[in-house]
């Protein structure tokens, strides 16, 4: 039902960034990574400075094991919102994982 509601909202206002983010989070909870990825990318298309969408995109890239893209997305979130602890921790974890894999 949530997906249907967000899709209805987006059919009325395609640049509704909060709806794109919420739709992406709904897909993410269902582990529908491709649909979540597209939703967060759409949010960023309409609001490239949306730190939440960058962070959420990083979470999806992480689940898809696309670690360099995940790190880039988390860093983009931090450029917009430097004090965001969760994004800082995500970058640190990715840096640690990259170092361990060398």
PDB file of N, CA and C in Angstrom:
ATOM      1  N   UNK A   1       0.819  -1.204   0.000  1.00  0.00           N
ATOM      2  CA  UNK A   1       0.000   0.000   0.000  1.00  0.00           C
ATOM      3  C   UNK A   1       0.858   1.261   0.000  1.00  0.00           C
ATOM      4  N   UNK A   2       1.960   1.232   0.738  1.00  0.00           N
ATOM      5  CA  UNK A   2       2.824   2.416   0.800  1.00  0.00           C
ATOM      6  C   UNK A   2       3.390   2.730  -0.578  1.00  0.00           C
ATOM      7  N   UNK A   3       3.831   1.696  -1.277  1.00  0.00           N
ATOM      8  CA  UNK A   3       4.397   1.905  -2.610  1.00  0.00           C
ATOM      9  C   UNK A   3       3.364   2.551  -3.514  1.00  0.00           C
ATOM     10  N   UNK A   4       2.163   2.039  -3.476  1.00  0.00           N
ATOM     11  CA  UNK A   4       1.087   2.590  -4.300  1.00  0.00           C
ATOM     12  C   UNK A   4       0.818   4.056  -3.955  1.00  0.00           C
ATOM     13  N   UNK A   5       0.822   4.381  -2.679  1.00  0.00           N
ATOM     14  CA  UNK A   5       0.578   5.766  -2.252  1.00  0.00           C
ATOM     15  C   UNK A   5       1.682   6.694  -2.742  1.00  0.00           C
ATOM     16  N   UNK A   6       2.945   6.267  -2.614  1.00  0.00           N
ATOM     17  CA  UNK A   6       4.053   7.102  -3.077  1.00  0.00           C
ATOM     18  C   UNK A   6       4.018   7.254  -4.595  1.00  0.00           C
ATOM     19  N   UNK A   7       3.706   6.171  -5.298  1.00  0.00           N
ATOM     20  CA  UNK A   7       3.633   6.255  -6.760  1.00  0.00           C
ATOM     21  C   UNK A   7       2.507   7.181  -7.204  1.00  0.00           C
ATOM     22  N   UNK A   8       1.400   7.170  -6.471  1.00  0.00           N
ATOM     23  CA  UNK A   8       0.303   8.090  -6.788  1.00  0.00           C
ATOM     24  C   UNK A   8       0.750   9.529  -6.573  1.00  0.00           C
ATOM     25  N   UNK A   9       1.401   9.784  -5.460  1.00  0.00           N
ATOM     26  CA  UNK A   9       1.901  11.136  -5.176  1.00  0.00           C
ATOM     27  C   UNK A   9       2.876  11.587  -6.260  1.00  0.00           C
ATOM     28  N   UNK A  10       3.737  10.675  -6.692  1.00  0.00           N
ATOM     29  CA  UNK A  10       4.738  11.028  -7.697  1.00  0.00           C
ATOM     30  C   UNK A  10       4.124  11.217  -9.081  1.00  0.00           C
ATOM     31  N   UNK A  11       3.015  10.557  -9.330  1.00  0.00           N
ATOM     32  CA  UNK A  11       2.336  10.768 -10.612  1.00  0.00           C
ATOM     33  C   UNK A  11       1.728  12.172 -10.674  1.00  0.00           C
ATOM     34  N   UNK A  12       1.442  12.725  -9.501  1.00  0.00           N
ATOM     35  CA  UNK A  12       0.888  14.076  -9.427  1.00  0.00           C
ATOM     36  C   UNK A  12       1.978  15.145  -9.372  1.00  0.00           C
ATOM     37  N   UNK A  13       3.103  14.778  -8.769  1.00  0.00           N
ATOM     38  CA  UNK A  13       4.205  15.755  -8.605  1.00  0.00           C
ATOM     39  C   UNK A  13       5.522  14.987  -8.703  1.00  0.00           C
ATOM     40  N   UNK A  14       6.053  14.887  -9.921  1.00  0.00           N
ATOM     41  CA  UNK A  14       7.228  14.038 -10.154  1.00  0.00           C
ATOM     42  C   UNK A  14       8.481  14.506  -9.432  1.00  0.00           C
ATOM     43  N   UNK A  15       8.527  15.771  -9.038  1.00  0.00           N
ATOM     44  CA  UNK A  15       9.723  16.275  -8.355  1.00  0.00           C
ATOM     45  C   UNK A  15       9.581  16.289  -6.828  1.00  0.00           C
ATOM     46  N   UNK A  16       8.689  15.474  -6.310  1.00  0.00           N
ATOM     47  CA  UNK A  16       8.422  15.393  -4.868  1.00  0.00           C
ATOM     48  C   UNK A  16       9.502  14.512  -4.230  1.00  0.00           C
ATOM     49  N   UNK A  17      10.585  15.159  -3.822  1.00  0.00           N
ATOM     50  CA  UNK A  17      11.788  14.467  -3.362  1.00  0.00           C
ATOM     51  C   UNK A  17      11.519  13.592  -2.138  1.00  0.00           C
ATOM     52  N   UNK A  18      10.730  14.085  -1.212  1.00  0.00           N
ATOM     53  CA  UNK A  18      10.437  13.292  -0.009  1.00  0.00           C
ATOM     54  C   UNK A  18       9.725  11.988  -0.378  1.00  0.00           C
ATOM     55  N   UNK A  19       8.835  12.047  -1.352  1.00  0.00           N
ATOM     56  CA  UNK A  19       8.144  10.824  -1.799  1.00  0.00           C
ATOM     57  C   UNK A  19       9.129   9.861  -2.457  1.00  0.00           C
ATOM     58  N   UNK A  20      10.068  10.375  -3.262  1.00  0.00           N
ATOM     59  CA  UNK A  20      11.083   9.509  -3.864  1.00  0.00           C
ATOM     60  C   UNK A  20      11.915   8.833  -2.778  1.00  0.00           C
ATOM     61  N   UNK A  21      12.303   9.611  -1.754  1.00  0.00           N
ATOM     62  CA  UNK A  21      13.087   9.044  -0.649  1.00  0.00           C
ATOM     63  C   UNK A  21      12.293   7.987   0.105  1.00  0.00           C
ATOM     64  N   UNK A  22      11.050   8.289   0.406  1.00  0.00           N
ATOM     65  CA  UNK A  22      10.215   7.330   1.138  1.00  0.00           C
ATOM     66  C   UNK A  22       9.956   6.071   0.315  1.00  0.00           C
ATOM     67  N   UNK A  23       9.738   6.253  -0.979  1.00  0.00           N
ATOM     68  CA  UNK A  23       9.550   5.095  -1.861  1.00  0.00           C
ATOM     69  C   UNK A  23      10.815   4.245  -1.862  1.00  0.00           C
ATOM     70  N   UNK A  24      11.951   4.895  -1.971  1.00  0.00           N
ATOM     71  CA  UNK A  24      13.214   4.162  -1.938  1.00  0.00           C
ATOM     72  C   UNK A  24      13.414   3.408  -0.639  1.00  0.00           C
ATOM     73  N   UNK A  25      13.061   4.022   0.481  1.00  0.00           N
ATOM     74  CA  UNK A  25      13.187   3.337   1.772  1.00  0.00           C
ATOM     75  C   UNK A  25      12.235   2.153   1.875  1.00  0.00           C
ATOM     76  N   UNK A  26      11.055   2.295   1.303  1.00  0.00           N
ATOM     77  CA  UNK A  26      10.102   1.173   1.299  1.00  0.00           C
ATOM     78  C   UNK A  26      10.673   0.012   0.492  1.00  0.00           C
ATOM     79  N   UNK A  27      11.203   0.323  -0.681  1.00  0.00           N
ATOM     80  CA  UNK A  27      11.840  -0.731  -1.486  1.00  0.00           C
ATOM     81  C   UNK A  27      13.048  -1.323  -0.762  1.00  0.00           C
ATOM     82  N   UNK A  28      13.795  -0.471  -0.078  1.00  0.00           N
ATOM     83  CA  UNK A  28      14.982  -0.952   0.644  1.00  0.00           C
ATOM     84  C   UNK A  28      14.575  -1.932   1.746  1.00  0.00           C
ATOM     85  N   UNK A  29      13.489  -1.631   2.455  1.00  0.00           N
ATOM     86  CA  UNK A  29      13.009  -2.549   3.499  1.00  0.00           C
ATOM     87  C   UNK A  29      12.597  -3.892   2.903  1.00  0.00           C
ATOM     88  N   UNK A  30      12.155  -3.872   1.663  1.00  0.00           N
ATOM     89  CA  UNK A  30      11.772  -5.111   0.976  1.00  0.00           C
ATOM     90  C   UNK A  30      12.971  -5.776   0.297  1.00  0.00           C
ATOM     91  N   UNK A  31      14.119  -5.168   0.430  1.00  0.00           N
ATOM     92  CA  UNK A  31      15.358  -5.611  -0.206  1.00  0.00           C
ATOM     93  C   UNK A  31      15.233  -5.646  -1.727  1.00  0.00           C
ATOM     94  N   UNK A  32      14.432  -4.748  -2.258  1.00  0.00           N
ATOM     95  CA  UNK A  32      14.314  -4.567  -3.706  1.00  0.00           C
ATOM     96  C   UNK A  32      15.320  -3.480  -4.072  1.00  0.00           C
ATOM     97  N   UNK A  33      16.588  -3.897  -4.185  1.00  0.00           N
ATOM     98  CA  UNK A  33      17.691  -2.950  -4.290  1.00  0.00           C
ATOM     99  C   UNK A  33      17.632  -2.124  -5.571  1.00  0.00           C
ATOM    100  N   UNK A  34      17.276  -2.749  -6.689  1.00  0.00           N
ATOM    101  CA  UNK A  34      17.245  -1.999  -7.948  1.00  0.00           C
ATOM    102  C   UNK A  34      16.197  -0.895  -7.918  1.00  0.00           C
ATOM    103  N   UNK A  35      15.022  -1.205  -7.401  1.00  0.00           N
ATOM    104  CA  UNK A  35      13.964  -0.197  -7.319  1.00  0.00           C
ATOM    105  C   UNK A  35      14.344   0.898  -6.318  1.00  0.00           C
ATOM    106  N   UNK A  36      14.976   0.514  -5.225  1.00  0.00           N
ATOM    107  CA  UNK A  36      15.420   1.508  -4.238  1.00  0.00           C
ATOM    108  C   UNK A  36      16.466   2.427  -4.866  1.00  0.00           C
ATOM    109  N   UNK A  37      17.407   1.837  -5.581  1.00  0.00           N
ATOM    110  CA  UNK A  37      18.453   2.616  -6.238  1.00  0.00           C
ATOM    111  C   UNK A  37      17.839   3.653  -7.185  1.00  0.00           C
ATOM    112  N   UNK A  38      16.904   3.229  -7.998  1.00  0.00           N
ATOM    113  CA  UNK A  38      16.266   4.138  -8.949  1.00  0.00           C
ATOM    114  C   UNK A  38      15.501   5.246  -8.227  1.00  0.00           C
ATOM    115  N   UNK A  39      14.870   4.915  -7.117  1.00  0.00           N
ATOM    116  CA  UNK A  39      14.119   5.919  -6.359  1.00  0.00           C
ATOM    117  C   UNK A  39      15.037   6.984  -5.782  1.00  0.00           C
ATOM    118  N   UNK A  40      16.151   6.561  -5.180  1.00  0.00           N
ATOM    119  CA  UNK A  40      17.079   7.533  -4.601  1.00  0.00           C
ATOM    120  C   UNK A  40      17.764   8.360  -5.688  1.00  0.00           C
ATOM    121  N   UNK A  41      18.062   7.729  -6.821  1.00  0.00           N
ATOM    122  CA  UNK A  41      18.634   8.483  -7.934  1.00  0.00           C
ATOM    123  C   UNK A  41      17.638   9.524  -8.444  1.00  0.00           C
ATOM    124  N   UNK A  42      16.368   9.181  -8.454  1.00  0.00           N
ATOM    125  CA  UNK A  42      15.340  10.141  -8.870  1.00  0.00           C
ATOM    126  C   UNK A  42      15.255  11.296  -7.877  1.00  0.00           C
ATOM    127  N   UNK A  43      15.338  10.990  -6.595  1.00  0.00           N
ATOM    128  CA  UNK A  43      15.325  12.052  -5.586  1.00  0.00           C
ATOM    129  C   UNK A  43      16.473  13.025  -5.839  1.00  0.00           C
ATOM    130  N   UNK A  44      17.641  12.483  -6.152  1.00  0.00           N
ATOM    131  CA  UNK A  44      18.817  13.329  -6.377  1.00  0.00           C
ATOM    132  C   UNK A  44      18.747  14.080  -7.697  1.00  0.00           C
ATOM    133  N   UNK A  45      18.029  13.543  -8.640  1.00  0.00           N
ATOM    134  CA  UNK A  45      17.827  14.252  -9.907  1.00  0.00           C
ATOM    135  C   UNK A  45      17.111  15.585  -9.648  1.00  0.00           C
ATOM    136  N   UNK A  46      16.145  15.552  -8.743  1.00  0.00           N
ATOM    137  CA  UNK A  46      15.363  16.754  -8.444  1.00  0.00           C
ATOM    138  C   UNK A  46      15.979  17.620  -7.344  1.00  0.00           C
ATOM    139  N   UNK A  47      16.805  17.009  -6.495  1.00  0.00           N
ATOM    140  CA  UNK A  47      17.454  17.763  -5.421  1.00  0.00           C
ATOM    141  C   UNK A  47      18.845  17.180  -5.165  1.00  0.00           C
ATOM    142  N   UNK A  48      19.823  17.581  -5.972  1.00  0.00           N
ATOM    143  CA  UNK A  48      21.173  17.018  -5.848  1.00  0.00           C
ATOM    144  C   UNK A  48      21.848  17.278  -4.506  1.00  0.00           C
ATOM    145  N   UNK A  49      21.332  18.213  -3.729  1.00  0.00           N
ATOM    146  CA  UNK A  49      21.931  18.531  -2.426  1.00  0.00           C
ATOM    147  C   UNK A  49      21.163  17.906  -1.267  1.00  0.00           C
ATOM    148  N   UNK A  50      20.414  16.855  -1.549  1.00  0.00           N
ATOM    149  CA  UNK A  50      19.639  16.183  -0.513  1.00  0.00           C
ATOM    150  C   UNK A  50      20.530  15.135   0.161  1.00  0.00           C
ATOM    151  N   UNK A  51      21.026  15.469   1.332  1.00  0.00           N
ATOM    152  CA  UNK A  51      21.961  14.588   2.045  1.00  0.00           C
ATOM    153  C   UNK A  51      21.339  13.233   2.359  1.00  0.00           C
ATOM    154  N   UNK A  52      20.068  13.225   2.695  1.00  0.00           N
ATOM    155  CA  UNK A  52      19.401  11.961   3.036  1.00  0.00           C
ATOM    156  C   UNK A  52      19.377  11.022   1.836  1.00  0.00           C
ATOM    157  N   UNK A  53      19.086  11.554   0.670  1.00  0.00           N
ATOM    158  CA  UNK A  53      19.058  10.713  -0.537  1.00  0.00           C
ATOM    159  C   UNK A  53      20.451  10.166  -0.849  1.00  0.00           C
ATOM    160  N   UNK A  54      21.487  10.988  -0.673  1.00  0.00           N
ATOM    161  CA  UNK A  54      22.858  10.504  -0.879  1.00  0.00           C
ATOM    162  C   UNK A  54      23.177   9.380   0.099  1.00  0.00           C
ATOM    163  N   UNK A  55      22.824   9.583   1.359  1.00  0.00           N
ATOM    164  CA  UNK A  55      23.089   8.563   2.376  1.00  0.00           C
ATOM    165  C   UNK A  55      22.350   7.264   2.039  1.00  0.00           C
ATOM    166  N   UNK A  56      21.069   7.387   1.710  1.00  0.00           N
ATOM    167  CA  UNK A  56      20.278   6.201   1.388  1.00  0.00           C
ATOM    168  C   UNK A  56      20.828   5.483   0.153  1.00  0.00           C
ATOM    169  N   UNK A  57      21.269   6.253  -0.811  1.00  0.00           N
ATOM    170  CA  UNK A  57      21.890   5.675  -1.998  1.00  0.00           C
ATOM    171  C   UNK A  57      23.140   4.886  -1.598  1.00  0.00           C
ATOM    172  N   UNK A  58      23.917   5.447  -0.686  1.00  0.00           N
ATOM    173  CA  UNK A  58      25.095   4.740  -0.182  1.00  0.00           C
ATOM    174  C   UNK A  58      24.735   3.419   0.473  1.00  0.00           C
ATOM    175  N   UNK A  59      23.663   3.418   1.235  1.00  0.00           N
ATOM    176  CA  UNK A  59      23.209   2.174   1.880  1.00  0.00           C
ATOM    177  C   UNK A  59      22.870   1.098   0.842  1.00  0.00           C
ATOM    178  N   UNK A  60      22.214   1.514  -0.228  1.00  0.00           N
ATOM    179  CA  UNK A  60      21.851   0.554  -1.280  1.00  0.00           C
ATOM    180  C   UNK A  60      23.095   0.059  -2.002  1.00  0.00           C
ATOM    181  N   UNK A  61      23.991   0.969  -2.362  1.00  0.00           N
ATOM    182  CA  UNK A  61      25.230   0.541  -3.011  1.00  0.00           C
ATOM    183  C   UNK A  61      25.999  -0.434  -2.114  1.00  0.00           C
ATOM    184  N   UNK A  62      25.994  -0.175  -0.814  1.00  0.00           N
ATOM    185  CA  UNK A  62      26.669  -1.080   0.118  1.00  0.00           C
ATOM    186  C   UNK A  62      26.050  -2.478   0.044  1.00  0.00           C
ATOM    187  N   UNK A  63      24.729  -2.551   0.059  1.00  0.00           N
ATOM    188  CA  UNK A  63      24.051  -3.849  -0.010  1.00  0.00           C
ATOM    189  C   UNK A  63      24.355  -4.568  -1.327  1.00  0.00           C
ATOM    190  N   UNK A  64      24.559  -3.789  -2.382  1.00  0.00           N
ATOM    191  CA  UNK A  64      24.882  -4.365  -3.693  1.00  0.00           C
ATOM    192  C   UNK A  64      26.374  -4.664  -3.837  1.00  0.00           C
ATOM    193  N   UNK A  65      27.139  -4.413  -2.754  1.00  0.00           N
ATOM    194  CA  UNK A  65      28.583  -4.626  -2.716  1.00  0.00           C
ATOM    195  C   UNK A  65      29.315  -3.743  -3.735  1.00  0.00           C
ATOM    196  N   UNK A  66      28.734  -2.585  -3.995  1.00  0.00           N
ATOM    197  CA  UNK A  66      29.359  -1.585  -4.867  1.00  0.00           C
ATOM    198  C   UNK A  66      29.990  -0.547  -3.935  1.00  0.00           C
ATOM    199  N   UNK A  67      31.086  -0.970  -3.305  1.00  0.00           N
ATOM    200  CA  UNK A  67      31.636  -0.232  -2.177  1.00  0.00           C
ATOM    201  C   UNK A  67      32.202   1.140  -2.540  1.00  0.00           C
ATOM    202  N   UNK A  68      32.844   1.268  -3.676  1.00  0.00           N
ATOM    203  CA  UNK A  68      33.389   2.586  -4.024  1.00  0.00           C
ATOM    204  C   UNK A  68      32.255   3.576  -4.276  1.00  0.00           C
ATOM    205  N   UNK A  69      31.168   3.116  -4.880  1.00  0.00           N
ATOM    206  CA  UNK A  69      30.018   3.991  -5.088  1.00  0.00           C
ATOM    207  C   UNK A  69      29.327   4.312  -3.768  1.00  0.00           C
ATOM    208  N   UNK A  70      29.309   3.342  -2.871  1.00  0.00           N
ATOM    209  CA  UNK A  70      28.724   3.572  -1.545  1.00  0.00           C
ATOM    210  C   UNK A  70      29.512   4.653  -0.823  1.00  0.00           C
ATOM    211  N   UNK A  71      30.832   4.524  -0.844  1.00  0.00           N
ATOM    212  CA  UNK A  71      31.684   5.511  -0.172  1.00  0.00           C
ATOM    213  C   UNK A  71      31.471   6.899  -0.772  1.00  0.00           C
ATOM    214  N   UNK A  72      31.401   6.969  -2.082  1.00  0.00           N
ATOM    215  CA  UNK A  72      31.180   8.251  -2.751  1.00  0.00           C
ATOM    216  C   UNK A  72      29.845   8.873  -2.329  1.00  0.00           C
ATOM    217  N   UNK A  73      28.807   8.055  -2.237  1.00  0.00           N
ATOM    218  CA  UNK A  73      27.490   8.562  -1.834  1.00  0.00           C
ATOM    219  C   UNK A  73      27.510   9.053  -0.389  1.00  0.00           C
ATOM    220  N   UNK A  74      28.137   8.287   0.504  1.00  0.00           N
ATOM    221  CA  UNK A  74      28.241   8.720   1.899  1.00  0.00           C
ATOM    222  C   UNK A  74      29.045  10.010   2.011  1.00  0.00           C
ATOM    223  N   UNK A  75      30.125  10.103   1.246  1.00  0.00           N
ATOM    224  CA  UNK A  75      30.935  11.323   1.274  1.00  0.00           C
ATOM    225  C   UNK A  75      30.155  12.518   0.731  1.00  0.00           C
ATOM    226  N   UNK A  76      29.307  12.279  -0.256  1.00  0.00           N
ATOM    227  CA  UNK A  76      28.459  13.359  -0.780  1.00  0.00           C
ATOM    228  C   UNK A  76      27.500  13.845   0.298  1.00  0.00           C
ATOM    229  N   UNK A  77      26.958  12.902   1.059  1.00  0.00           N
ATOM    230  CA  UNK A  77      26.076  13.284   2.170  1.00  0.00           C
ATOM    231  C   UNK A  77      26.842  14.132   3.179  1.00  0.00           C
ATOM    232  N   UNK A  78      28.078  13.755   3.449  1.00  0.00           N
ATOM    233  CA  UNK A  78      28.891  14.497   4.424  1.00  0.00           C
ATOM    234  C   UNK A  78      29.286  15.885   3.930  1.00  0.00           C
ATOM    235  N   UNK A  79      29.465  16.037   2.637  1.00  0.00           N
ATOM    236  CA  UNK A  79      29.786  17.363   2.104  1.00  0.00           C
ATOM    237  C   UNK A  79      28.626  18.329   2.356  1.00  0.00           C
ATOM    238  N   UNK A  80      27.435  17.794   2.319  1.00  0.00           N
ATOM    239  CA  UNK A  80      26.238  18.609   2.518  1.00  0.00           C
ATOM    240  C   UNK A  80      25.955  18.790   4.006  1.00  0.00           C
ATOM    241  N   UNK A  81      26.149  17.708   4.767  1.00  0.00           N
ATOM    242  CA  UNK A  81      25.848  17.707   6.200  1.00  0.00           C
ATOM    243  C   UNK A  81      27.044  17.115   6.952  1.00  0.00           C
ATOM    244  N   UNK A  82      28.106  17.905   7.158  1.00  0.00           N
ATOM    245  CA  UNK A  82      29.365  17.389   7.708  1.00  0.00           C
ATOM    246  C   UNK A  82      29.268  16.758   9.100  1.00  0.00           C
ATOM    247  N   UNK A  83      28.270  17.119   9.858  1.00  0.00           N
ATOM    248  CA  UNK A  83      28.166  16.609  11.227  1.00  0.00           C
ATOM    249  C   UNK A  83      27.399  15.285  11.341  1.00  0.00           C
ATOM    250  N   UNK A  84      26.984  14.715  10.223  1.00  0.00           N
ATOM    251  CA  UNK A  84      26.138  13.525  10.230  1.00  0.00           C
ATOM    252  C   UNK A  84      26.959  12.312  10.666  1.00  0.00           C
ATOM    253  N   UNK A  85      26.741  11.873  11.884  1.00  0.00           N
ATOM    254  CA  UNK A  85      27.521  10.790  12.498  1.00  0.00           C
ATOM    255  C   UNK A  85      27.371   9.477  11.729  1.00  0.00           C
ATOM    256  N   UNK A  86      26.165   9.111  11.338  1.00  0.00           N
ATOM    257  CA  UNK A  86      25.957   7.842  10.623  1.00  0.00           C
ATOM    258  C   UNK A  86      26.739   7.812   9.313  1.00  0.00           C
ATOM    259  N   UNK A  87      26.755   8.922   8.597  1.00  0.00           N
ATOM    260  CA  UNK A  87      27.506   8.987   7.344  1.00  0.00           C
ATOM    261  C   UNK A  87      29.010   8.910   7.625  1.00  0.00           C
ATOM    262  N   UNK A  88      29.451   9.564   8.696  1.00  0.00           N
ATOM    263  CA  UNK A  88      30.873   9.493   9.069  1.00  0.00           C
ATOM    264  C   UNK A  88      31.268   8.051   9.374  1.00  0.00           C
ATOM    265  N   UNK A  89      30.429   7.371  10.126  1.00  0.00           N
ATOM    266  CA  UNK A  89      30.722   5.973  10.497  1.00  0.00           C
ATOM    267  C   UNK A  89      30.728   5.066   9.267  1.00  0.00           C
ATOM    268  N   UNK A  90      29.809   5.322   8.340  1.00  0.00           N
ATOM    269  CA  UNK A  90      29.750   4.510   7.129  1.00  0.00           C
ATOM    270  C   UNK A  90      31.025   4.653   6.311  1.00  0.00           C
ATOM    271  N   UNK A  91      31.522   5.880   6.186  1.00  0.00           N
ATOM    272  CA  UNK A  91      32.775   6.113   5.450  1.00  0.00           C
ATOM    273  C   UNK A  91      33.934   5.440   6.177  1.00  0.00           C
ATOM    274  N   UNK A  92      33.992   5.569   7.492  1.00  0.00           N
ATOM    275  CA  UNK A  92      35.061   4.934   8.264  1.00  0.00           C
ATOM    276  C   UNK A  92      35.038   3.421   8.101  1.00  0.00           C
ATOM    277  N   UNK A  93      33.852   2.837   8.147  1.00  0.00           N
ATOM    278  CA  UNK A  93      33.730   1.384   7.984  1.00  0.00           C
ATOM    279  C   UNK A  93      34.203   0.955   6.598  1.00  0.00           C
ATOM    280  N   UNK A  94      33.793   1.685   5.588  1.00  0.00           N
ATOM    281  CA  UNK A  94      34.228   1.353   4.232  1.00  0.00           C
ATOM    282  C   UNK A  94      35.737   1.500   4.087  1.00  0.00           C
ATOM    283  N   UNK A  95      36.308   2.543   4.681  1.00  0.00           N
ATOM    284  CA  UNK A  95      37.759   2.710   4.635  1.00  0.00           C
ATOM    285  C   UNK A  95      38.466   1.534   5.303  1.00  0.00           C
ATOM    286  N   UNK A  96      37.935   1.102   6.463  1.00  0.00           N
ATOM    287  CA  UNK A  96      38.503  -0.060   7.173  1.00  0.00           C
ATOM    288  C   UNK A  96      38.401  -1.315   6.326  1.00  0.00           C
ATOM    289  N   UNK A  97      37.229  -1.534   5.712  1.00  0.00           N
ATOM    290  CA  UNK A  97      37.020  -2.716   4.881  1.00  0.00           C
ATOM    291  C   UNK A  97      37.954  -2.723   3.677  1.00  0.00           C
ATOM    292  N   UNK A  98      38.157  -1.555   3.086  1.00  0.00           N
ATOM    293  CA  UNK A  98      39.051  -1.450   1.932  1.00  0.00           C
ATOM    294  C   UNK A  98      40.471  -1.759   2.347  1.00  0.00           C
ATOM    295  N   UNK A  99      40.891  -1.238   3.510  1.00  0.00           N
ATOM    296  CA  UNK A  99      42.246  -1.498   4.009  1.00  0.00           C
ATOM    297  C   UNK A  99      42.446  -2.986   4.305  1.00  0.00           C
ATOM    298  N   UNK A 100      41.450  -3.619   4.896  1.00  0.00           N
ATOM    299  CA  UNK A 100      41.565  -5.047   5.231  1.00  0.00           C
ATOM    300  C   UNK A 100      41.628  -5.921   3.996  1.00  0.00           C
ATOM    301  N   UNK A 101      41.017  -5.467   2.916  1.00  0.00           N
ATOM    302  CA  UNK A 101      40.985  -6.295   1.707  1.00  0.00           C
ATOM    303  C   UNK A 101      42.271  -6.188   0.878  1.00  0.00           C
ATOM    304  N   UNK A 102      43.177  -5.291   1.290  1.00  0.00           N
ATOM    305  CA  UNK A 102      44.451  -5.118   0.553  1.00  0.00           C
ATOM    306  C   UNK A 102      45.433  -6.211   0.897  1.00  0.00           C
TER     307      UNK A 102
END
